[in-house]
Amino acid sequence: MWYLVISWKELIQKLESKWWKQVKQVGSHVKFQLHNFITTIPTHWNDDLPKWTLKKICKDLQIDYDFIKS
């Protein structure tokens, strides 16, 4: 299930296209929110997000693999 490879830029574009809003940025961390769901996406890597980071983001936002894959 967690074989998805995605960069932080692609993830931010997908979230913004699905009504998520960027509420804050501190240095290289961007905070996104929709209703009560909030997460922080690290943007200090130039390559893909590590799988454990992506799993944590999905857990925080209560979204599944299909949301990111689409």
Protein backbone atom coordinates (compact mmCIF):
# COMPACT_ATOMS: atom_id res chain seq x y z
CA MET A 1 0.00 0.00 0.00
CA TRP A 2 2.72 2.48 0.90
CA TYR A 3 4.76 2.23 -2.25
CA LEU A 4 3.58 5.66 -3.42
CA VAL A 5 6.34 8.09 -4.36
CA ILE A 6 5.38 11.75 -4.34
CA SER A 7 7.23 15.01 -3.87
CA TRP A 8 6.09 17.65 -1.44
CA LYS A 9 5.28 19.98 -4.36
CA GLU A 10 2.87 17.44 -5.88
CA LEU A 11 1.27 16.77 -2.50
CA ILE A 12 0.68 20.48 -1.88
CA GLN A 13 -0.88 20.89 -5.34
CA LYS A 14 -3.25 17.97 -4.69
CA LEU A 15 -4.27 19.31 -1.30
CA GLU A 16 -4.91 22.81 -2.66
CA SER A 17 -7.00 21.39 -5.50
CA LYS A 18 -9.20 19.57 -2.96
CA TRP A 19 -10.10 22.61 -0.78
CA TRP A 20 -7.28 22.31 1.74
CA LYS A 21 -5.85 25.69 2.71
CA GLN A 22 -2.34 26.69 3.62
CA VAL A 23 -2.72 28.45 6.97
CA LYS A 24 0.86 29.01 8.02
CA GLN A 25 4.46 28.63 6.92
CA VAL A 26 7.40 28.68 9.29
CA GLY A 27 10.70 28.25 7.53
CA SER A 28 10.57 25.04 5.52
CA HIS A 29 7.34 23.67 7.04
CA VAL A 30 3.89 24.40 5.59
CA LYS A 31 0.76 23.89 7.69
CA PHE A 32 -2.48 22.85 5.93
CA GLN A 33 -5.99 22.79 7.36
CA LEU A 34 -9.52 21.76 6.42
CA HIS A 35 -12.09 21.95 9.22
CA ASN A 36 -10.48 20.25 12.26
CA PHE A 37 -7.80 18.37 10.34
CA ILE A 38 -4.34 19.96 10.42
CA THR A 39 -0.94 18.72 9.31
CA THR A 40 2.52 20.05 8.61
CA ILE A 41 4.34 19.23 5.39
CA PRO A 42 8.13 19.56 5.40
CA THR A 43 9.46 21.29 2.30
CA HIS A 44 13.19 21.19 2.93
CA TRP A 45 13.88 18.16 0.73
CA ASN A 46 14.33 18.48 -3.01
CA ASP A 47 13.18 14.94 -3.66
CA ASP A 48 10.29 12.67 -2.68
CA LEU A 49 8.74 12.53 0.77
CA PRO A 50 9.84 9.57 2.88
CA LYS A 51 7.11 6.96 3.23
CA TRP A 52 6.81 7.40 7.02
CA THR A 53 6.26 11.15 6.55
CA LEU A 54 3.57 10.51 3.95
CA LYS A 55 1.88 7.97 6.26
CA LYS A 56 1.83 10.53 9.09
CA ILE A 57 0.37 13.23 6.84
CA CYS A 58 -2.39 10.85 5.69
CA LYS A 59 -3.12 9.91 9.29
CA ASP A 60 -3.29 13.57 10.41
CA LEU A 61 -5.63 14.53 7.57
CA GLN A 62 -7.62 11.28 7.76
CA ILE A 63 -7.20 10.65 4.06
CA ASP A 64 -6.24 7.42 2.37
CA TYR A 65 -3.90 6.32 -0.37
CA ASP A 66 -6.54 6.73 -3.09
CA PHE A 67 -6.85 10.45 -2.39
CA ILE A 68 -3.16 11.02 -3.05
CA LYS A 69 -2.97 8.56 -5.92
CA SER A 70 -5.77 10.27 -7.88
